[in-house]
Protein backbone atom coordinates (compact mmCIF):
# COMPACT_ATOMS: atom_id res chain seq x y z
CA MET A 1 -6.73 -1.54 -24.43
CA ILE A 2 -5.09 -1.96 -21.01
CA ARG A 3 -5.21 1.79 -20.38
CA GLU A 4 -9.00 1.76 -20.38
CA ASN A 5 -9.23 -1.10 -17.89
CA ILE A 6 -7.12 0.37 -15.07
CA LYS A 7 -8.93 3.12 -13.17
CA LYS A 8 -8.25 2.26 -9.51
CA ILE A 9 -4.76 1.35 -8.29
CA LEU A 10 -4.01 0.09 -4.78
CA VAL A 11 -0.51 0.70 -3.45
CA PRO A 12 0.37 -0.91 -0.11
CA LEU A 13 2.92 1.32 1.66
CA ASP A 14 5.04 0.70 4.75
CA GLY A 15 7.57 3.51 4.81
CA SER A 16 10.35 1.56 3.06
CA LYS A 17 12.30 2.63 -0.02
CA ASN A 18 10.81 -0.29 -1.95
CA SER A 19 7.28 0.83 -1.16
CA LEU A 20 8.21 4.27 -2.51
CA ARG A 21 9.47 2.62 -5.70
CA GLY A 22 6.10 0.89 -5.89
CA LEU A 23 4.37 4.25 -5.48
CA ASP A 24 6.50 5.80 -8.23
CA GLU A 25 5.59 2.95 -10.59
CA ALA A 26 1.91 3.35 -9.66
CA ILE A 27 2.14 7.08 -10.39
CA TYR A 28 3.61 6.33 -13.81
CA LEU A 29 0.88 3.77 -14.50
CA ALA A 30 -1.83 6.14 -13.25
CA ARG A 31 -0.62 8.88 -15.58
CA GLN A 32 -0.73 6.52 -18.54
CA CYS A 33 -4.19 5.17 -17.67
CA HIS A 34 -5.76 8.29 -16.13
CA ALA A 35 -6.32 6.33 -12.92
CA THR A 36 -6.47 7.19 -9.24
CA ILE A 37 -4.25 5.73 -6.52
CA THR A 38 -5.15 4.60 -3.03
CA GLY A 39 -2.26 4.20 -0.64
CA LEU A 40 -2.87 1.60 2.05
CA TYR A 41 -0.72 1.54 5.17
CA VAL A 42 -1.25 -1.49 7.40
CA ILE A 43 0.00 -1.06 10.96
CA PRO A 44 0.97 -4.59 12.06
CA ILE A 45 -0.77 -4.55 15.45
CA SER A 46 -4.30 -5.07 16.67
CA LYS A 47 -6.43 -1.95 16.65
CA PRO A 48 -6.80 -0.41 20.12
CA ILE A 49 -10.38 -0.58 21.44
CA THR A 50 -10.38 2.99 22.80
CA ASP A 51 -8.10 5.99 22.53
CA SER A 52 -7.21 5.67 26.20
CA GLN A 53 -5.68 2.24 25.51
CA ILE A 54 -3.20 3.49 22.89
CA SER A 55 0.35 2.81 24.03
CA TYR A 56 3.42 4.87 23.22
CA LEU A 57 4.43 2.34 20.54
CA GLU A 58 1.00 2.50 18.88
CA LYS A 59 1.09 6.31 18.87
CA TYR A 60 4.58 6.19 17.34
CA LEU A 61 3.51 3.74 14.60
CA LEU A 62 0.39 5.76 13.79
CA LYS A 63 2.37 9.01 13.66
CA ASN A 64 4.92 7.47 11.25
CA ALA A 65 2.15 6.02 9.07
CA THR A 66 0.38 9.39 8.89
CA LYS A 67 3.60 11.22 8.05
CA PHE A 68 4.52 8.74 5.32
CA MET A 69 1.06 8.86 3.76
CA SER A 70 1.24 12.65 3.69
CA LYS A 71 4.55 12.43 1.79
CA ALA A 72 3.00 9.93 -0.64
CA LYS A 73 0.04 12.24 -1.24
CA ILE A 74 2.36 15.18 -1.98
CA ARG A 75 4.48 13.01 -4.31
CA SER A 76 1.36 11.96 -6.22
CA ALA A 77 -0.05 15.50 -6.37
CA GLN A 78 3.22 16.78 -7.81
CA ASN A 79 2.65 14.35 -10.67
CA GLY A 80 -1.00 15.31 -11.13
CA ILE A 81 -2.44 12.10 -9.65
CA LEU A 82 -5.38 11.92 -7.25
CA PHE A 83 -4.25 10.03 -4.13
CA ASP A 84 -6.47 8.72 -1.37
CA SER A 85 -5.00 7.14 1.73
CA ASP A 86 -6.15 4.70 4.34
CA ILE A 87 -4.44 3.43 7.48
CA ILE A 88 -5.66 0.15 8.93
CA TYR A 89 -4.50 -2.31 11.59
CA GLY A 90 -3.73 -6.02 11.36
CA LYS A 91 -1.66 -8.64 9.57
CA GLU A 92 -0.39 -7.01 6.38
CA GLY A 93 -0.95 -9.66 3.69
CA PRO A 94 -4.52 -10.70 4.56
CA LYS A 95 -5.56 -7.08 5.19
CA ILE A 96 -4.26 -5.97 1.77
CA ILE A 97 -6.10 -8.78 -0.02
CA HIS A 98 -9.33 -8.16 1.90
CA TYR A 99 -9.14 -4.39 1.27
CA ALA A 100 -8.45 -4.83 -2.47
CA ASN A 101 -11.32 -7.26 -2.94
CA ASN A 102 -13.86 -5.17 -1.01
CA LYS A 103 -13.07 -1.93 -2.83
CA SER A 104 -12.82 -3.44 -6.35
CA TYR A 105 -9.35 -2.32 -7.39
CA ASP A 106 -8.08 -3.03 -10.90
CA ILE A 107 -4.45 -3.68 -9.92
CA ILE A 108 -2.20 -3.80 -6.86
CA VAL A 109 1.27 -2.25 -7.20
CA ILE A 110 3.55 -3.38 -4.38
CA GLY A 111 7.25 -3.13 -3.58
CA SER A 112 9.10 -6.44 -3.55
CA ARG A 113 10.42 -5.99 -0.02
CA GLY A 114 9.16 -3.85 2.78
CA MET A 115 10.18 -3.29 6.34
CA GLY A 116 9.35 -6.82 7.50
CA SER A 117 12.06 -8.69 9.38
CA ILE A 118 11.62 -11.95 7.48
CA LYS A 119 13.62 -11.95 4.25
CA GLU A 120 12.61 -14.43 1.56
CA VAL A 121 14.74 -15.36 -1.41
CA PHE A 122 13.14 -13.09 -4.02
CA PHE A 123 10.23 -11.28 -2.40
CA GLY A 124 9.33 -10.03 1.02
CA SER A 125 6.81 -12.07 2.96
CA THR A 126 3.95 -9.57 2.40
CA SER A 127 4.46 -9.19 -1.36
CA ASN A 128 4.82 -12.96 -1.67
CA TYR A 129 1.55 -13.48 0.21
CA VAL A 130 -0.28 -10.89 -1.91
CA LEU A 131 1.12 -12.40 -5.12
CA HIS A 132 -0.21 -15.85 -4.29
CA LYS A 133 -3.55 -14.91 -2.73
CA SER A 134 -4.81 -12.04 -4.88
CA LYS A 135 -7.49 -12.56 -7.50
CA ILE A 136 -6.69 -9.25 -9.18
CA PRO A 137 -3.51 -8.43 -11.15
CA ILE A 138 -0.35 -7.65 -9.17
CA LEU A 139 2.66 -5.58 -10.22
CA ILE A 140 5.66 -6.23 -7.99
CA VAL A 141 8.34 -3.54 -8.17
CA LYS A 142 11.95 -4.38 -7.29
């Protein structure tokens, strides 16, 4: 019954080991449900207006995001799962919720802690935000 309902899985990624654990769990779920995965990497800065305004830090963050998403795509392909990726800019929690709602995902699979500097008791600040604000099911992976 559940297998038929999950066709689109959103996996927020940030380059951390926990986000990779989230991806691995999403791959397992996708194999069981014959679903596709979209990896979403949110760069926590405002989007530059033009290419000429991109600073060294922004280039570095974008390069790391692109490299990590490429690894995630390979990891998914090795398991026979179709993986789409998207890199966006902004505040992580609200961007993830907005993206998930606009694209009609069936579930969000997210690591419990990412690379954020704020450590909460059980969850990272982004996963905690997504857990409380999302209207679609969430799977938090520790």
